[in-house]
C-alpha atoms as a PDB file:
ATOM      1  CA  MET A   1      19.934   2.079   6.017  1.00  0.00           C
ATOM      2  CA  GLU A   2      16.708   0.446   7.241  1.00  0.00           C
ATOM      3  CA  HIS A   3      16.193  -2.468   9.639  1.00  0.00           C
ATOM      4  CA  VAL A   4      13.172  -4.497   8.546  1.00  0.00           C
ATOM      5  CA  THR A   5      11.659  -7.910   9.278  1.00  0.00           C
ATOM      6  CA  ILE A   6      10.458 -10.145   6.437  1.00  0.00           C
ATOM      7  CA  GLY A   7       8.808 -13.410   7.424  1.00  0.00           C
ATOM      8  CA  GLY A   8      10.756 -13.580  10.681  1.00  0.00           C
ATOM      9  CA  HIS A   9      14.071 -12.783   8.960  1.00  0.00           C
ATOM     10  CA  LYS A  10      15.850  -9.662  10.170  1.00  0.00           C
ATOM     11  CA  VAL A  11      17.078  -7.771   7.129  1.00  0.00           C
ATOM     12  CA  ILE A  12      19.182  -4.624   6.809  1.00  0.00           C
ATOM     13  CA  MET A  13      18.393  -2.712   3.631  1.00  0.00           C
ATOM     14  CA  LYS A  14      20.489   0.036   2.070  1.00  0.00           C
ATOM     15  CA  LEU A  15      19.277   2.278  -0.712  1.00  0.00           C
ATOM     16  CA  PRO A  16      21.574   3.146  -3.629  1.00  0.00           C
ATOM     17  CA  THR A  17      23.572   6.352  -3.496  1.00  0.00           C
ATOM     18  CA  LEU A  18      23.772   9.466  -5.629  1.00  0.00           C
ATOM     19  CA  GLY A  19      26.519   9.553  -8.219  1.00  0.00           C
ATOM     20  CA  ASP A  20      27.938  12.314 -10.392  1.00  0.00           C
ATOM     21  CA  ASP A  21      25.380  11.702 -13.139  1.00  0.00           C
ATOM     22  CA  LEU A  22      21.670  10.893 -13.143  1.00  0.00           C
ATOM     23  CA  LEU A  23      22.119   7.159 -12.504  1.00  0.00           C
ATOM     24  CA  LEU A  24      22.118   5.938  -8.914  1.00  0.00           C
ATOM     25  CA  GLN A  25      25.166   4.013  -7.768  1.00  0.00           C
ATOM     26  CA  ALA A  26      25.402   0.606  -6.089  1.00  0.00           C
ATOM     27  CA  PRO A  27      24.898   0.692  -2.312  1.00  0.00           C
ATOM     28  CA  THR A  28      27.257  -1.066   0.036  1.00  0.00           C
ATOM     29  CA  ASP A  29      26.316  -3.835   2.425  1.00  0.00           C
ATOM     30  CA  HIS A  30      25.409  -3.141   6.059  1.00  0.00           C
ATOM     31  CA  LEU A  31      29.082  -2.923   7.043  1.00  0.00           C
ATOM     32  CA  GLY A  32      29.966  -0.457   4.298  1.00  0.00           C
ATOM     33  CA  ARG A  33      31.690  -3.048   2.094  1.00  0.00           C
ATOM     34  CA  SER A  34      31.270  -3.259  -1.674  1.00  0.00           C
ATOM     35  CA  LEU A  35      28.758  -5.774  -2.949  1.00  0.00           C
ATOM     36  CA  PRO A  36      30.124  -8.963  -4.588  1.00  0.00           C
ATOM     37  CA  PRO A  37      31.487  -8.422  -8.133  1.00  0.00           C
ATOM     38  CA  GLN A  38      28.796 -10.548  -9.778  1.00  0.00           C
ATOM     39  CA  MET A  39      26.117  -8.364  -8.172  1.00  0.00           C
ATOM     40  CA  LEU A  40      27.829  -5.178  -9.327  1.00  0.00           C
ATOM     41  CA  ARG A  41      28.108  -6.505 -12.880  1.00  0.00           C
ATOM     42  CA  ALA A  42      24.534  -7.760 -13.031  1.00  0.00           C
ATOM     43  CA  PHE A  43      23.009  -4.554 -11.664  1.00  0.00           C
ATOM     44  CA  GLU A  44      25.280  -1.991 -13.295  1.00  0.00           C
ATOM     45  CA  GLY A  45      23.086   0.915 -14.380  1.00  0.00           C
ATOM     46  CA  ARG A  46      19.987  -0.720 -12.865  1.00  0.00           C
ATOM     47  CA  TRP A  47      19.834   0.737  -9.345  1.00  0.00           C
ATOM     48  CA  GLY A  48      17.625   3.628 -10.377  1.00  0.00           C
ATOM     49  CA  TYR A  49      17.980   7.235 -11.420  1.00  0.00           C
ATOM     50  CA  ARG A  50      17.674  10.773 -10.187  1.00  0.00           C
ATOM     51  CA  SER A  51      14.576  12.345 -11.712  1.00  0.00           C
ATOM     52  CA  SER A  52      14.806  15.827 -10.165  1.00  0.00           C
ATOM     53  CA  GLU A  53      16.844  17.809  -7.658  1.00  0.00           C
ATOM     54  CA  ARG A  54      15.168  16.122  -4.666  1.00  0.00           C
ATOM     55  CA  THR A  55      13.538  13.017  -6.169  1.00  0.00           C
ATOM     56  CA  CYS A  56      14.942   9.618  -7.118  1.00  0.00           C
ATOM     57  CA  TYR A  57      13.364   6.533  -8.628  1.00  0.00           C
ATOM     58  CA  VAL A  58      14.854   3.534  -6.801  1.00  0.00           C
ATOM     59  CA  ASP A  59      14.766   0.272  -8.728  1.00  0.00           C
ATOM     60  CA  ALA A  60      16.847  -1.940  -6.411  1.00  0.00           C
ATOM     61  CA  ALA A  61      18.475  -1.928  -2.976  1.00  0.00           C
ATOM     62  CA  SER A  62      20.925  -4.126  -1.107  1.00  0.00           C
ATOM     63  CA  ALA A  63      19.668  -6.458   1.622  1.00  0.00           C
ATOM     64  CA  SER A  64      21.941  -8.012   4.249  1.00  0.00           C
ATOM     65  CA  LEU A  65      20.725 -11.049   6.182  1.00  0.00           C
ATOM     66  CA  LEU A  66      21.949 -14.366   7.536  1.00  0.00           C
ATOM     67  CA  LEU A  67      21.169 -17.563   5.622  1.00  0.00           C
ATOM     68  CA  TYR A  68      22.718 -20.980   6.127  1.00  0.00           C
ATOM     69  CA  PRO A  69      25.140 -21.786   3.279  1.00  0.00           C
ATOM     70  CA  ASN A  70      23.667 -24.102   0.693  1.00  0.00           C
ATOM     71  CA  ALA A  71      25.251 -25.407  -2.493  1.00  0.00           C
ATOM     72  CA  GLU A  72      21.895 -25.138  -4.254  1.00  0.00           C
ATOM     73  CA  MET A  73      20.602 -21.928  -2.713  1.00  0.00           C
ATOM     74  CA  HIS A  74      17.536 -21.785  -4.969  1.00  0.00           C
ATOM     75  CA  ASP A  75      16.382 -25.062  -3.362  1.00  0.00           C
ATOM     76  CA  SER A  76      17.105 -23.895   0.180  1.00  0.00           C
ATOM     77  CA  GLU A  77      14.022 -24.043   2.406  1.00  0.00           C
ATOM     78  CA  GLU A  78      15.217 -20.937   4.243  1.00  0.00           C
ATOM     79  CA  PHE A  79      15.686 -18.923   1.046  1.00  0.00           C
ATOM     80  CA  ASN A  80      12.314 -20.011  -0.334  1.00  0.00           C
ATOM     81  CA  SER A  81      10.667 -19.094   2.963  1.00  0.00           C
ATOM     82  CA  LEU A  82      12.202 -15.632   2.772  1.00  0.00           C
ATOM     83  CA  SER A  83      11.145 -15.081  -0.828  1.00  0.00           C
ATOM     84  CA  SER A  84       7.587 -16.319  -0.249  1.00  0.00           C
ATOM     85  CA  SER A  85       7.226 -13.995   2.752  1.00  0.00           C
ATOM     86  CA  PHE A  86       8.436 -11.069   0.707  1.00  0.00           C
ATOM     87  CA  PHE A  87       5.231 -10.659  -1.288  1.00  0.00           C
ATOM     88  CA  SER A  88       3.036 -10.073   1.769  1.00  0.00           C
ATOM     89  CA  TRP A  89       5.627  -7.722   3.270  1.00  0.00           C
ATOM     90  CA  PHE A  90       6.024  -5.693   0.091  1.00  0.00           C
ATOM     91  CA  THR A  91       2.267  -5.572  -0.448  1.00  0.00           C
ATOM     92  CA  ALA A  92       1.968  -3.798   2.906  1.00  0.00           C
ATOM     93  CA  VAL A  93       4.805  -1.424   1.959  1.00  0.00           C
ATOM     94  CA  ARG A  94       3.040  -0.585  -1.316  1.00  0.00           C
ATOM     95  CA  GLU A  95      -0.289  -0.004   0.427  1.00  0.00           C
ATOM     96  CA  TRP A  96       1.146   2.596   2.806  1.00  0.00           C
ATOM     97  CA  ALA A  97       3.279   4.121   0.052  1.00  0.00           C
ATOM     98  CA  ALA A  98       0.293   4.389  -2.291  1.00  0.00           C
ATOM     99  CA  ALA A  99      -1.901   6.004   0.354  1.00  0.00           C
ATOM    100  CA  TRP A 100       0.719   8.633   1.224  1.00  0.00           C
ATOM    101  CA  SER A 101       1.893   9.368  -2.316  1.00  0.00           C
ATOM    102  CA  GLY A 102      -1.348   9.036  -4.273  1.00  0.00           C
ATOM    103  CA  THR A 103       0.007   6.182  -6.369  1.00  0.00           C
ATOM    104  CA  PRO A 104      -2.547   3.737  -7.828  1.00  0.00           C
ATOM    105  CA  LEU A 105      -2.166   0.398  -6.088  1.00  0.00           C
ATOM    106  CA  GLY A 106      -2.611  -1.777  -9.192  1.00  0.00           C
ATOM    107  CA  THR A 107       0.289  -2.998 -11.288  1.00  0.00           C
ATOM    108  CA  PHE A 108       0.318  -1.565 -14.781  1.00  0.00           C
ATOM    109  CA  ASP A 109       3.930  -2.121 -15.786  1.00  0.00           C
ATOM    110  CA  ASN A 110       5.436  -5.151 -17.500  1.00  0.00           C
ATOM    111  CA  SER A 111       8.606  -5.559 -15.436  1.00  0.00           C
ATOM    112  CA  HIS A 112       8.830  -8.765 -13.474  1.00  0.00           C
ATOM    113  CA  ASN A 113      12.267  -8.992 -11.908  1.00  0.00           C
ATOM    114  CA  SER A 114      12.874 -11.449  -9.095  1.00  0.00           C
ATOM    115  CA  ALA A 115      12.493 -10.014  -5.625  1.00  0.00           C
ATOM    116  CA  PHE A 116      15.838 -11.361  -4.362  1.00  0.00           C
ATOM    117  CA  HIS A 117      19.160 -12.084  -6.055  1.00  0.00           C
ATOM    118  CA  ILE A 118      21.825 -13.775  -3.918  1.00  0.00           C
ATOM    119  CA  PRO A 119      25.466 -14.348  -4.929  1.00  0.00           C
ATOM    120  CA  TYR A 120      27.055 -17.736  -4.392  1.00  0.00           C
ATOM    121  CA  GLY A 121      30.431 -19.098  -5.373  1.00  0.00           C
ATOM    122  CA  LYS A 122      32.746 -16.668  -7.100  1.00  0.00           C
ATOM    123  CA  LYS A 123      30.788 -16.035 -10.281  1.00  0.00           C
ATOM    124  CA  TYR A 124      27.149 -16.883  -9.954  1.00  0.00           C
ATOM    125  CA  MET A 125      23.864 -15.630  -8.549  1.00  0.00           C
ATOM    126  CA  THR A 126      20.560 -17.262  -7.777  1.00  0.00           C
ATOM    127  CA  ALA A 127      17.194 -15.520  -7.891  1.00  0.00           C
ATOM    128  CA  SER A 128      13.942 -16.013  -6.029  1.00  0.00           C
ATOM    129  CA  PRO A 129      10.789 -17.050  -7.893  1.00  0.00           C
ATOM    130  CA  VAL A 130       8.796 -14.222  -6.274  1.00  0.00           C
ATOM    131  CA  LEU A 131       8.601 -11.260  -8.642  1.00  0.00           C
ATOM    132  CA  MET A 132       8.757  -7.561  -7.893  1.00  0.00           C
ATOM    133  CA  ARG A 133       5.723  -5.434  -8.722  1.00  0.00           C
ATOM    134  CA  THR A 134       6.091  -1.722  -9.205  1.00  0.00           C
ATOM    135  CA  VAL A 135       3.907   1.121 -10.368  1.00  0.00           C
ATOM    136  CA  PHE A 136       4.240   4.865 -10.705  1.00  0.00           C
ATOM    137  CA  ILE A 137       1.577   6.951 -12.436  1.00  0.00           C
ATOM    138  CA  GLY A 138       1.665  10.681 -11.857  1.00  0.00           C
ATOM    139  CA  ALA A 139       2.158  10.388  -8.129  1.00  0.00           C
ATOM    140  CA  LYS A 140       4.191  12.544  -5.845  1.00  0.00           C
ATOM    141  CA  SER A 141       7.260  10.860  -4.446  1.00  0.00           C
ATOM    142  CA  LEU A 142       7.518   9.423  -0.947  1.00  0.00           C
ATOM    143  CA  SER A 143       9.483  11.316   1.618  1.00  0.00           C
ATOM    144  CA  ARG A 144      12.350   9.575   3.356  1.00  0.00           C
ATOM    145  CA  ALA A 145      10.298   9.441   6.570  1.00  0.00           C
ATOM    146  CA  GLN A 146       7.294   7.943   4.760  1.00  0.00           C
ATOM    147  CA  LEU A 147       9.432   5.203   3.226  1.00  0.00           C
ATOM    148  CA  SER A 148      10.857   4.328   6.641  1.00  0.00           C
ATOM    149  CA  GLU A 149       7.382   4.281   8.177  1.00  0.00           C
ATOM    150  CA  ALA A 150       6.044   2.053   5.383  1.00  0.00           C
ATOM    151  CA  PHE A 151       8.892  -0.396   6.079  1.00  0.00           C
ATOM    152  CA  ARG A 152       8.077  -0.368   9.794  1.00  0.00           C
ATOM    153  CA  HIS A 153       4.366  -1.013   9.277  1.00  0.00           C
ATOM    154  CA  ALA A 154       5.119  -3.882   6.888  1.00  0.00           C
ATOM    155  CA  SER A 155       7.692  -5.406   9.227  1.00  0.00           C
ATOM    156  CA  ARG A 156       5.050  -5.476  11.978  1.00  0.00           C
ATOM    157  CA  GLY A 157       2.543  -7.088   9.616  1.00  0.00           C
ATOM    158  CA  GLU A 158       0.365  -3.970   9.646  1.00  0.00           C
ATOM    159  CA  HIS A 159      -1.554  -3.466   6.423  1.00  0.00           C
ATOM    160  CA  LEU A 160      -3.302  -0.267   5.457  1.00  0.00           C
ATOM    161  CA  PRO A 161      -6.683   0.203   7.235  1.00  0.00           C
ATOM    162  CA  VAL A 162      -9.560  -1.283   5.243  1.00  0.00           C
ATOM    163  CA  GLU A 163     -11.231   2.025   4.441  1.00  0.00           C
ATOM    164  CA  HIS A 164      -8.003   3.322   2.875  1.00  0.00           C
ATOM    165  CA  GLN A 165      -7.486   0.038   1.019  1.00  0.00           C
ATOM    166  CA  MET A 166     -10.957   0.428  -0.478  1.00  0.00           C
ATOM    167  CA  LEU A 167     -10.155   3.972  -1.597  1.00  0.00           C
ATOM    168  CA  LEU A 168      -7.084   2.663  -3.414  1.00  0.00           C
ATOM    169  CA  SER A 169      -9.138  -0.144  -4.928  1.00  0.00           C
ATOM    170  CA  SER A 170     -11.730   2.372  -6.108  1.00  0.00           C
ATOM    171  CA  THR A 171      -9.061   4.475  -7.810  1.00  0.00           C
ATOM    172  CA  ASP A 172      -7.582   1.420  -9.530  1.00  0.00           C
ATOM    173  CA  ALA A 173     -11.018   0.311 -10.723  1.00  0.00           C
ATOM    174  CA  GLN A 174     -11.734   3.673 -12.328  1.00  0.00           C
ATOM    175  CA  LEU A 175      -8.315   3.739 -13.983  1.00  0.00           C
ATOM    176  CA  GLY A 176      -9.056   0.275 -15.359  1.00  0.00           C
ATOM    177  CA  GLY A 177     -12.452   1.352 -16.684  1.00  0.00           C
ATOM    178  CA  ASP A 178     -14.539  -0.631 -14.167  1.00  0.00           C
ATOM    179  CA  LEU A 179     -16.754   2.232 -13.023  1.00  0.00           C
ATOM    180  CA  ARG A 180     -19.283   0.006 -11.256  1.00  0.00           C
ATOM    181  CA  ARG A 181     -16.629  -1.470  -8.976  1.00  0.00           C
ATOM    182  CA  ALA A 182     -15.126   1.984  -8.445  1.00  0.00           C
ATOM    183  CA  VAL A 183     -18.323   3.405  -6.922  1.00  0.00           C
ATOM    184  CA  ILE A 184     -19.030   0.196  -4.983  1.00  0.00           C
ATOM    185  CA  ASP A 185     -15.569   0.280  -3.409  1.00  0.00           C
ATOM    186  CA  ALA A 186     -15.870   4.018  -2.724  1.00  0.00           C
ATOM    187  CA  ALA A 187     -19.151   3.469  -0.884  1.00  0.00           C
ATOM    188  CA  THR A 188     -17.605   0.589   1.058  1.00  0.00           C
ATOM    189  CA  ALA A 189     -14.731   2.859   2.137  1.00  0.00           C
ATOM    190  CA  ALA A 190     -17.198   5.456   3.417  1.00  0.00           C
ATOM    191  CA  GLU A 191     -19.302   2.847   5.207  1.00  0.00           C
ATOM    192  CA  VAL A 192     -16.296   1.267   6.929  1.00  0.00           C
ATOM    193  CA  ALA A 193     -15.036   4.685   8.058  1.00  0.00           C
ATOM    194  CA  LEU A 194     -18.435   5.646   9.475  1.00  0.00           C
ATOM    195  CA  ALA A 195     -18.953   2.284  11.182  1.00  0.00           C
ATOM    196  CA  SER A 196     -15.452   2.373  12.689  1.00  0.00           C
ATOM    197  CA  TYR A 197     -15.984   5.876  14.035  1.00  0.00           C
ATOM    198  CA  VAL A 198     -19.326   4.908  15.572  1.00  0.00           C
ATOM    199  CA  ALA A 199     -17.938   1.703  17.087  1.00  0.00           C
ATOM    200  CA  ASP A 200     -14.912   3.406  18.631  1.00  0.00           C
ATOM    201  CA  ASN A 201     -17.079   6.216  20.013  1.00  0.00           C
ATOM    202  CA  LEU A 202     -19.574   3.856  21.623  1.00  0.00           C
ATOM    203  CA  GLU A 203     -16.820   1.679  23.069  1.00  0.00           C
ATOM    204  CA  VAL A 204     -15.317   4.718  24.771  1.00  0.00           C
ATOM    205  CA  ARG A 205     -18.759   5.293  26.322  1.00  0.00           C
ATOM    206  CA  GLY A 206     -18.615   1.845  27.925  1.00  0.00           C
ATOM    207  CA  LEU A 207     -20.673  -0.351  25.575  1.00  0.00           C
ATOM    208  CA  GLU A 208     -19.525  -3.921  24.923  1.00  0.00           C
ATOM    209  CA  ARG A 209     -17.931  -4.454  21.539  1.00  0.00           C
ATOM    210  CA  GLY A 210     -20.149  -7.429  20.719  1.00  0.00           C
ATOM    211  CA  PHE A 211     -23.290  -5.363  21.327  1.00  0.00           C
ATOM    212  CA  ILE A 212     -21.865  -2.518  19.242  1.00  0.00           C
ATOM    213  CA  ASP A 213     -21.134  -4.824  16.301  1.00  0.00           C
ATOM    214  CA  GLU A 214     -24.667  -6.215  16.380  1.00  0.00           C
ATOM    215  CA  MET A 215     -26.141  -2.719  16.552  1.00  0.00           C
ATOM    216  CA  ILE A 216     -24.094  -1.507  13.589  1.00  0.00           C
ATOM    217  CA  LYS A 217     -25.228  -4.510  11.542  1.00  0.00           C
ATOM    218  CA  ASP A 218     -28.818  -3.397  12.115  1.00  0.00           C
ATOM    219  CA  VAL A 219     -28.120   0.143  10.890  1.00  0.00           C
ATOM    220  CA  ASN A 220     -29.292   0.224   7.287  1.00  0.00           C
ATOM    221  CA  GLY A 221     -26.674   1.656   4.958  1.00  0.00           C
ATOM    222  CA  VAL A 222     -24.194   4.465   4.708  1.00  0.00           C
ATOM    223  CA  VAL A 223     -26.778   7.279   5.048  1.00  0.00           C
ATOM    224  CA  ASN A 224     -28.095   6.011   8.389  1.00  0.00           C
ATOM    225  CA  LEU A 225     -24.536   5.499   9.602  1.00  0.00           C
ATOM    226  CA  HIS A 226     -23.841   9.106   8.639  1.00  0.00           C
ATOM    227  CA  GLU A 227     -26.775  10.257  10.797  1.00  0.00           C
ATOM    228  CA  LEU A 228     -25.656   8.132  13.755  1.00  0.00           C
ATOM    229  CA  CYS A 229     -22.105   9.421  13.370  1.00  0.00           C
ATOM    230  CA  THR A 230     -23.187  13.057  13.484  1.00  0.00           C
ATOM    231  CA  ARG A 231     -25.412  12.415  16.510  1.00  0.00           C
ATOM    232  CA  LEU A 232     -22.342  11.086  18.298  1.00  0.00           C
ATOM    233  CA  GLY A 233     -20.444  14.279  17.527  1.00  0.00           C
ATOM    234  CA  GLY A 234     -18.673  13.150  14.383  1.00  0.00           C
ATOM    235  CA  GLU A 235     -17.993  15.546  11.503  1.00  0.00           C
ATOM    236  CA  PRO A 236     -17.953  13.500   8.261  1.00  0.00           C
ATOM    237  CA  ALA A 237     -17.231  16.628   6.131  1.00  0.00           C
ATOM    238  CA  VAL A 238     -19.797  15.475   3.519  1.00  0.00           C
ATOM    239  CA  SER A 239     -23.461  16.354   3.979  1.00  0.00           C
ATOM    240  CA  LYS A 240     -26.046  13.605   4.281  1.00  0.00           C
ATOM    241  CA  GLY A 241     -27.792  14.886   1.154  1.00  0.00           C
ATOM    242  CA  LYS A 242     -24.671  14.697  -0.997  1.00  0.00           C
ATOM    243  CA  LEU A 243     -23.790  11.319   0.461  1.00  0.00           C
ATOM    244  CA  ARG A 244     -27.244   9.990  -0.426  1.00  0.00           C
ATOM    245  CA  GLN A 245     -27.539  11.469  -3.915  1.00  0.00           C
ATOM    246  CA  GLU A 246     -23.969  11.321  -5.170  1.00  0.00           C
ATOM    247  CA  LEU A 247     -22.609   8.198  -3.467  1.00  0.00           C
ATOM    248  CA  ALA A 248     -25.246   5.903  -1.951  1.00  0.00           C
ATOM    249  CA  ASN A 249     -27.768   6.166  -4.814  1.00  0.00           C
ATOM    250  CA  VAL A 250     -25.068   5.754  -7.464  1.00  0.00           C
ATOM    251  CA  ARG A 251     -23.740   2.727  -5.628  1.00  0.00           C
ATOM    252  CA  ASN A 252     -27.215   1.177  -5.241  1.00  0.00           C
ATOM    253  CA  LEU A 253     -27.953   1.572  -8.945  1.00  0.00           C
ATOM    254  CA  ALA A 254     -24.636  -0.083  -9.757  1.00  0.00           C
ATOM    255  CA  VAL A 255     -25.247  -2.998  -7.382  1.00  0.00           C
ATOM    256  CA  HIS A 256     -28.965  -3.649  -7.750  1.00  0.00           C
ATOM    257  CA  GLY A 257     -29.783  -2.176 -11.136  1.00  0.00           C
ATOM    258  CA  GLY A 258     -26.691  -3.176 -13.088  1.00  0.00           C
ATOM    259  CA  HIS A 259     -26.225   0.497 -13.970  1.00  0.00           C
ATOM    260  CA  THR A 260     -22.796   1.710 -15.076  1.00  0.00           C
ATOM    261  CA  PRO A 261     -22.147   5.174 -13.641  1.00  0.00           C
ATOM    262  CA  THR A 262     -20.670   7.905 -15.782  1.00  0.00           C
ATOM    263  CA  PRO A 263     -17.020   8.923 -15.284  1.00  0.00           C
ATOM    264  CA  GLN A 264     -18.248  12.154 -13.688  1.00  0.00           C
ATOM    265  CA  GLU A 265     -20.513  10.301 -11.259  1.00  0.00           C
ATOM    266  CA  THR A 266     -17.674   7.924 -10.424  1.00  0.00           C
ATOM    267  CA  THR A 267     -15.161  10.687  -9.773  1.00  0.00           C
ATOM    268  CA  LEU A 268     -17.606  12.588  -7.555  1.00  0.00           C
ATOM    269  CA  ALA A 269     -18.476   9.447  -5.569  1.00  0.00           C
ATOM    270  CA  ARG A 270     -14.781   8.723  -5.029  1.00  0.00           C
ATOM    271  CA  GLN A 271     -14.116  12.299  -3.938  1.00  0.00           C
ATOM    272  CA  HIS A 272     -16.925  12.198  -1.366  1.00  0.00           C
ATOM    273  CA  ALA A 273     -15.660   8.883   0.009  1.00  0.00           C
ATOM    274  CA  ALA A 274     -12.087  10.170   0.240  1.00  0.00           C
ATOM    275  CA  THR A 275     -13.208  13.361   1.993  1.00  0.00           C
ATOM    276  CA  LEU A 276     -15.258  11.409   4.513  1.00  0.00           C
ATOM    277  CA  VAL A 277     -12.508   8.872   5.226  1.00  0.00           C
ATOM    278  CA  GLN A 278      -9.940  11.623   5.673  1.00  0.00           C
ATOM    279  CA  ALA A 279     -12.245  13.460   8.083  1.00  0.00           C
ATOM    280  CA  LEU A 280     -13.094  10.457  10.271  1.00  0.00           C
ATOM    281  CA  ARG A 281     -10.182   8.020   9.858  1.00  0.00           C
ATOM    282  CA  PRO A 282      -7.132   9.961   8.670  1.00  0.00           C
ATOM    283  CA  LEU A 283      -3.807   8.243   8.251  1.00  0.00           C
ATOM    284  CA  PRO A 284      -0.989   9.392  10.539  1.00  0.00           C
ATOM    285  CA  GLN A 285       0.904  12.311   9.044  1.00  0.00           C
ATOM    286  CA  VAL A 286       4.535  11.431   8.376  1.00  0.00           C
END
């Protein structure tokens, strides 16, 4: 059971439970009561499945929250506010989940179920217009603690740091065949990580943030940021030579020369960026 906040609404979520077979069983509500019959009928066999001894794919969960009764719930301002807030909240959840599990951030599936289904009356349900987006491509599963932490970050409106977002974007671009964007985003991730390290280090030394930002703008490119970082005691884990030849130059050719890098060049550039980001701006271990 998880307590989350979606667009100002306090929501209690419960994941489905393990059954005797591979299919997951319907969760209860926050008080341990069975879900309404129309929900159980509609979602029978659709909660998810157990894919290994310690791993489950969860397709749906129960959410308990207070909404004012409305005869036409799909027209309720409160319900529409909740559903429209869901997309931003779930985007943040997916960002953290993707970064921890190695899942590509893009959506490659064709399932578009509504984000929320709410029972009303004795027989019927209404659904939100906001659609779920899911993806799973060869990634390791999230741990229970990572899922909880992703919910907490999203409930506080905390998205994944920019440098990690750009790494995810770079991976998605390469999977989609856009190798130019993949190396550009990889270089951006490295540059943001270096600039953030430099800025934080100089601020600790007593420099004003405004002055620091102006100084960093005058530093020309990722290679010079790398040199400044190392002079300040940073350890980027990628040499300046490799960064120049196998990331910065590949990126510059893609941006200024219209050159499309090879898959090998793209993969190497992404690996260097990921190594550098992990060394200077690692995510919290959960």
